[in-house]
Amino acid sequence: MSCIIPIIVGSSLIFAKVITRETEEQLNTYSKAEQIAQEVFSSLRTVLSFNGSKCQQKQYEKELKLNEWYTVRKDDAFGTFMDWLFFINFLVYSIGFTFGS
C-alpha cells in the first residue's frame, strides 16, 4: 500500500504550484485595485473636478472582477485536489482489502 505515496507527493507538489500561481495573481489584482483607490483618495479634488469618479470606479470594479475570477479558479483547484485525495484514500483501502483478504 506504500506504493501510493509517490503519487500523493507528486500531486501535492503540482497542487502547491497551481495554488501559488493563483494566489500571486490574486494578490497582484488586489494590489492594482488598491493602487487605484489610493490614487483616487490622494487626489480626490482633482478626480471630482474632472468628473472622473465613474471612470475610476469602473477601473476599480474591473480589477475586483479579475480578483473574483482568480479566487474561483483557486477554489476549483482546492476542490479538485480534495477530490483527488479522497479518490487516492479509497484506492488505498481497496488495494488493502483486496490483497489483505
N, C-alpha and C. Protein backbone atom coordinates (compact mmCIF):
# COMPACT_ATOMS: atom_id res chain seq x y z
N MET A 1 0.82 -1.20 0.00
CA MET A 1 0.00 0.00 0.00
C MET A 1 0.86 1.26 0.00
N SER A 2 2.13 1.13 0.29
CA SER A 2 3.02 2.29 0.31
C SER A 2 3.38 2.78 -1.09
N CYS A 3 3.01 2.03 -2.11
CA CYS A 3 3.33 2.44 -3.47
C CYS A 3 2.53 3.68 -3.89
N ILE A 4 1.54 4.06 -3.13
CA ILE A 4 0.71 5.22 -3.45
C ILE A 4 1.37 6.52 -2.97
N ILE A 5 2.32 6.42 -2.08
CA ILE A 5 2.96 7.63 -1.52
C ILE A 5 3.58 8.53 -2.58
N PRO A 6 4.32 8.02 -3.58
CA PRO A 6 4.85 8.93 -4.60
C PRO A 6 3.76 9.66 -5.39
N ILE A 7 2.62 9.01 -5.59
CA ILE A 7 1.52 9.67 -6.30
C ILE A 7 0.99 10.82 -5.47
N ILE A 8 0.86 10.62 -4.17
CA ILE A 8 0.35 11.67 -3.29
C ILE A 8 1.34 12.83 -3.23
N VAL A 9 2.62 12.52 -3.11
CA VAL A 9 3.64 13.57 -3.05
C VAL A 9 3.70 14.35 -4.36
N GLY A 10 3.67 13.65 -5.48
CA GLY A 10 3.71 14.32 -6.78
C GLY A 10 2.50 15.22 -7.00
N SER A 11 1.32 14.72 -6.66
CA SER A 11 0.13 15.54 -6.85
C SER A 11 0.12 16.72 -5.88
N SER A 12 0.67 16.55 -4.70
CA SER A 12 0.76 17.66 -3.75
C SER A 12 1.68 18.76 -4.27
N LEU A 13 2.78 18.38 -4.91
CA LEU A 13 3.69 19.37 -5.47
C LEU A 13 3.03 20.15 -6.62
N ILE A 14 2.31 19.43 -7.47
CA ILE A 14 1.61 20.10 -8.57
C ILE A 14 0.55 21.04 -8.01
N PHE A 15 -0.18 20.59 -7.01
CA PHE A 15 -1.21 21.41 -6.38
C PHE A 15 -0.59 22.67 -5.75
N ALA A 16 0.55 22.51 -5.11
CA ALA A 16 1.21 23.66 -4.49
C ALA A 16 1.61 24.70 -5.54
N LYS A 17 2.10 24.25 -6.69
CA LYS A 17 2.46 25.18 -7.75
C LYS A 17 1.24 25.94 -8.28
N VAL A 18 0.15 25.21 -8.48
CA VAL A 18 -1.08 25.85 -9.00
C VAL A 18 -1.60 26.88 -8.01
N ILE A 19 -1.66 26.51 -6.74
CA ILE A 19 -2.18 27.41 -5.72
C ILE A 19 -1.27 28.62 -5.55
N THR A 20 0.03 28.42 -5.63
CA THR A 20 0.97 29.54 -5.51
C THR A 20 0.77 30.52 -6.66
N ARG A 21 0.62 30.02 -7.88
CA ARG A 21 0.41 30.88 -9.03
C ARG A 21 -0.90 31.66 -8.92
N GLU A 22 -1.97 30.98 -8.53
CA GLU A 22 -3.26 31.65 -8.41
C GLU A 22 -3.26 32.67 -7.28
N THR A 23 -2.58 32.38 -6.20
CA THR A 23 -2.50 33.33 -5.08
C THR A 23 -1.71 34.56 -5.47
N GLU A 24 -0.62 34.37 -6.21
CA GLU A 24 0.16 35.52 -6.68
C GLU A 24 -0.68 36.41 -7.60
N GLU A 25 -1.42 35.80 -8.52
CA GLU A 25 -2.28 36.59 -9.40
C GLU A 25 -3.37 37.31 -8.62
N GLN A 26 -3.91 36.63 -7.62
CA GLN A 26 -4.94 37.25 -6.79
C GLN A 26 -4.38 38.45 -6.03
N LEU A 27 -3.21 38.30 -5.47
CA LEU A 27 -2.59 39.42 -4.74
C LEU A 27 -2.21 40.56 -5.68
N ASN A 28 -1.80 40.24 -6.91
CA ASN A 28 -1.49 41.30 -7.88
C ASN A 28 -2.72 42.11 -8.22
N THR A 29 -3.86 41.45 -8.40
CA THR A 29 -5.08 42.20 -8.71
C THR A 29 -5.54 43.02 -7.52
N TYR A 30 -5.38 42.49 -6.31
CA TYR A 30 -5.68 43.28 -5.12
C TYR A 30 -4.80 44.51 -5.07
N SER A 31 -3.53 44.33 -5.40
CA SER A 31 -2.59 45.45 -5.37
C SER A 31 -2.97 46.52 -6.38
N LYS A 32 -3.36 46.10 -7.59
CA LYS A 32 -3.76 47.08 -8.60
C LYS A 32 -5.03 47.82 -8.19
N ALA A 33 -5.99 47.10 -7.61
CA ALA A 33 -7.22 47.75 -7.14
C ALA A 33 -6.93 48.72 -6.01
N GLU A 34 -6.04 48.33 -5.12
CA GLU A 34 -5.67 49.22 -4.00
C GLU A 34 -4.94 50.44 -4.52
N GLN A 35 -4.13 50.27 -5.55
CA GLN A 35 -3.41 51.40 -6.12
C GLN A 35 -4.38 52.41 -6.75
N ILE A 36 -5.41 51.91 -7.41
CA ILE A 36 -6.42 52.80 -7.99
C ILE A 36 -7.13 53.57 -6.90
N ALA A 37 -7.53 52.87 -5.84
CA ALA A 37 -8.23 53.54 -4.73
C ALA A 37 -7.34 54.57 -4.06
N GLN A 38 -6.07 54.25 -3.88
CA GLN A 38 -5.15 55.18 -3.23
C GLN A 38 -4.94 56.43 -4.09
N GLU A 39 -4.83 56.25 -5.41
CA GLU A 39 -4.67 57.41 -6.29
C GLU A 39 -5.90 58.31 -6.25
N VAL A 40 -7.07 57.70 -6.21
CA VAL A 40 -8.31 58.49 -6.17
C VAL A 40 -8.40 59.25 -4.85
N PHE A 41 -8.11 58.60 -3.75
CA PHE A 41 -8.23 59.27 -2.46
C PHE A 41 -7.14 60.33 -2.26
N SER A 42 -5.97 60.11 -2.85
CA SER A 42 -4.91 61.10 -2.68
C SER A 42 -5.16 62.36 -3.51
N SER A 43 -5.86 62.22 -4.62
CA SER A 43 -6.17 63.39 -5.45
C SER A 43 -7.68 63.49 -5.65
N LEU A 44 -8.41 63.49 -4.56
CA LEU A 44 -9.86 63.47 -4.61
C LEU A 44 -10.44 64.72 -5.26
N ARG A 45 -9.86 65.87 -4.96
CA ARG A 45 -10.37 67.12 -5.54
C ARG A 45 -10.23 67.12 -7.06
N THR A 46 -9.10 66.65 -7.55
CA THR A 46 -8.87 66.62 -8.99
C THR A 46 -9.83 65.65 -9.68
N VAL A 47 -10.01 64.48 -9.08
CA VAL A 47 -10.91 63.48 -9.67
C VAL A 47 -12.34 64.02 -9.72
N LEU A 48 -12.77 64.65 -8.65
CA LEU A 48 -14.13 65.18 -8.60
C LEU A 48 -14.31 66.38 -9.53
N SER A 49 -13.29 67.21 -9.66
CA SER A 49 -13.43 68.39 -10.51
C SER A 49 -13.49 68.03 -11.99
N PHE A 50 -12.87 66.93 -12.39
CA PHE A 50 -12.92 66.50 -13.79
C PHE A 50 -13.98 65.41 -14.03
N ASN A 51 -14.83 65.18 -13.04
CA ASN A 51 -15.89 64.16 -13.13
C ASN A 51 -15.32 62.79 -13.52
N GLY A 52 -14.24 62.40 -12.90
CA GLY A 52 -13.59 61.12 -13.21
C GLY A 52 -13.95 60.02 -12.24
N SER A 53 -14.91 60.26 -11.37
CA SER A 53 -15.21 59.26 -10.36
C SER A 53 -15.81 57.99 -10.97
N LYS A 54 -16.66 58.13 -11.97
CA LYS A 54 -17.27 56.95 -12.60
C LYS A 54 -16.22 56.11 -13.33
N CYS A 55 -15.31 56.80 -14.00
CA CYS A 55 -14.24 56.09 -14.72
C CYS A 55 -13.34 55.32 -13.75
N GLN A 56 -12.98 55.97 -12.66
CA GLN A 56 -12.13 55.31 -11.66
C GLN A 56 -12.87 54.15 -10.98
N GLN A 57 -14.17 54.35 -10.78
CA GLN A 57 -14.96 53.29 -10.17
C GLN A 57 -15.03 52.07 -11.10
N LYS A 58 -15.15 52.30 -12.39
CA LYS A 58 -15.18 51.19 -13.36
C LYS A 58 -13.85 50.45 -13.39
N GLN A 59 -12.75 51.20 -13.32
CA GLN A 59 -11.42 50.56 -13.28
C GLN A 59 -11.28 49.70 -12.03
N TYR A 60 -11.72 50.25 -10.90
CA TYR A 60 -11.63 49.54 -9.63
C TYR A 60 -12.47 48.26 -9.68
N GLU A 61 -13.68 48.35 -10.19
CA GLU A 61 -14.55 47.18 -10.29
C GLU A 61 -14.00 46.14 -11.26
N LYS A 62 -13.33 46.60 -12.32
CA LYS A 62 -12.72 45.67 -13.28
C LYS A 62 -11.63 44.85 -12.60
N GLU A 63 -10.81 45.51 -11.80
CA GLU A 63 -9.75 44.79 -11.08
C GLU A 63 -10.33 43.81 -10.06
N LEU A 64 -11.41 44.22 -9.40
CA LEU A 64 -12.03 43.31 -8.44
C LEU A 64 -12.70 42.13 -9.13
N LYS A 65 -13.21 42.33 -10.34
CA LYS A 65 -13.79 41.23 -11.11
C LYS A 65 -12.71 40.20 -11.46
N LEU A 66 -11.52 40.69 -11.85
CA LEU A 66 -10.40 39.78 -12.12
C LEU A 66 -10.04 39.00 -10.86
N ASN A 67 -10.06 39.68 -9.73
CA ASN A 67 -9.74 39.03 -8.47
C ASN A 67 -10.76 37.93 -8.17
N GLU A 68 -12.00 38.19 -8.47
CA GLU A 68 -13.05 37.19 -8.26
C GLU A 68 -12.78 35.95 -9.12
N TRP A 69 -12.34 36.18 -10.35
CA TRP A 69 -12.03 35.07 -11.25
C TRP A 69 -10.88 34.22 -10.71
N TYR A 70 -9.83 34.87 -10.20
CA TYR A 70 -8.71 34.11 -9.64
C TYR A 70 -9.12 33.35 -8.39
N THR A 71 -10.02 33.93 -7.60
CA THR A 71 -10.49 33.25 -6.40
C THR A 71 -11.29 32.00 -6.77
N VAL A 72 -12.12 32.10 -7.79
CA VAL A 72 -12.89 30.94 -8.24
C VAL A 72 -11.96 29.85 -8.75
N ARG A 73 -10.96 30.24 -9.51
CA ARG A 73 -10.01 29.24 -10.02
C ARG A 73 -9.25 28.57 -8.89
N LYS A 74 -8.86 29.35 -7.88
CA LYS A 74 -8.14 28.77 -6.75
C LYS A 74 -9.05 27.81 -5.97
N ASP A 75 -10.31 28.19 -5.78
CA ASP A 75 -11.25 27.31 -5.08
C ASP A 75 -11.52 26.04 -5.88
N ASP A 76 -11.57 26.14 -7.20
CA ASP A 76 -11.72 24.94 -8.03
C ASP A 76 -10.52 24.02 -7.87
N ALA A 77 -9.34 24.60 -7.79
CA ALA A 77 -8.14 23.77 -7.60
C ALA A 77 -8.18 23.07 -6.24
N PHE A 78 -8.62 23.79 -5.20
CA PHE A 78 -8.74 23.15 -3.88
C PHE A 78 -9.73 21.99 -3.93
N GLY A 79 -10.88 22.21 -4.56
CA GLY A 79 -11.89 21.16 -4.65
C GLY A 79 -11.39 19.95 -5.42
N THR A 80 -10.72 20.20 -6.53
CA THR A 80 -10.18 19.10 -7.34
C THR A 80 -9.14 18.31 -6.56
N PHE A 81 -8.29 19.02 -5.83
CA PHE A 81 -7.26 18.32 -5.06
C PHE A 81 -7.87 17.49 -3.94
N MET A 82 -8.87 18.03 -3.26
CA MET A 82 -9.52 17.26 -2.19
C MET A 82 -10.21 16.02 -2.76
N ASP A 83 -10.86 16.17 -3.92
CA ASP A 83 -11.46 15.01 -4.57
C ASP A 83 -10.42 13.97 -4.92
N TRP A 84 -9.28 14.44 -5.41
CA TRP A 84 -8.18 13.53 -5.76
C TRP A 84 -7.69 12.79 -4.53
N LEU A 85 -7.55 13.49 -3.40
CA LEU A 85 -7.08 12.83 -2.18
C LEU A 85 -8.09 11.80 -1.68
N PHE A 86 -9.37 12.10 -1.77
CA PHE A 86 -10.38 11.11 -1.38
C PHE A 86 -10.32 9.90 -2.29
N PHE A 87 -10.13 10.12 -3.58
CA PHE A 87 -10.01 9.01 -4.52
C PHE A 87 -8.81 8.13 -4.16
N ILE A 88 -7.68 8.76 -3.89
CA ILE A 88 -6.47 8.00 -3.52
C ILE A 88 -6.71 7.24 -2.22
N ASN A 89 -7.38 7.88 -1.26
CA ASN A 89 -7.66 7.23 0.02
C ASN A 89 -8.49 5.97 -0.19
N PHE A 90 -9.55 6.06 -0.98
CA PHE A 90 -10.37 4.88 -1.23
C PHE A 90 -9.65 3.84 -2.09
N LEU A 91 -8.75 4.30 -2.96
CA LEU A 91 -7.93 3.38 -3.74
C LEU A 91 -7.02 2.57 -2.82
N VAL A 92 -6.42 3.23 -1.84
CA VAL A 92 -5.55 2.53 -0.89
C VAL A 92 -6.37 1.52 -0.09
N TYR A 93 -7.57 1.91 0.36
CA TYR A 93 -8.42 0.96 1.08
C TYR A 93 -8.78 -0.24 0.21
N SER A 94 -9.11 0.00 -1.06
CA SER A 94 -9.49 -1.12 -1.92
C SER A 94 -8.30 -2.05 -2.18
N ILE A 95 -7.12 -1.48 -2.36
CA ILE A 95 -5.93 -2.31 -2.54
C ILE A 95 -5.66 -3.13 -1.27
N GLY A 96 -5.77 -2.47 -0.13
CA GLY A 96 -5.53 -3.17 1.14
C GLY A 96 -6.52 -4.27 1.38
N PHE A 97 -7.80 -4.04 1.13
CA PHE A 97 -8.81 -5.07 1.34
C PHE A 97 -8.69 -6.19 0.33
N THR A 98 -8.32 -5.85 -0.92
CA THR A 98 -8.19 -6.87 -1.96
C THR A 98 -7.05 -7.82 -1.64
N PHE A 99 -5.87 -7.25 -1.36
CA PHE A 99 -4.72 -8.11 -1.11
C PHE A 99 -4.71 -8.66 0.33
N GLY A 100 -5.40 -8.00 1.22
CA GLY A 100 -5.47 -8.48 2.61
C GLY A 100 -6.40 -9.66 2.79
N SER A 101 -7.41 -9.70 1.94
CA SER A 101 -8.36 -10.82 2.08
C SER A 101 -7.83 -12.01 1.27
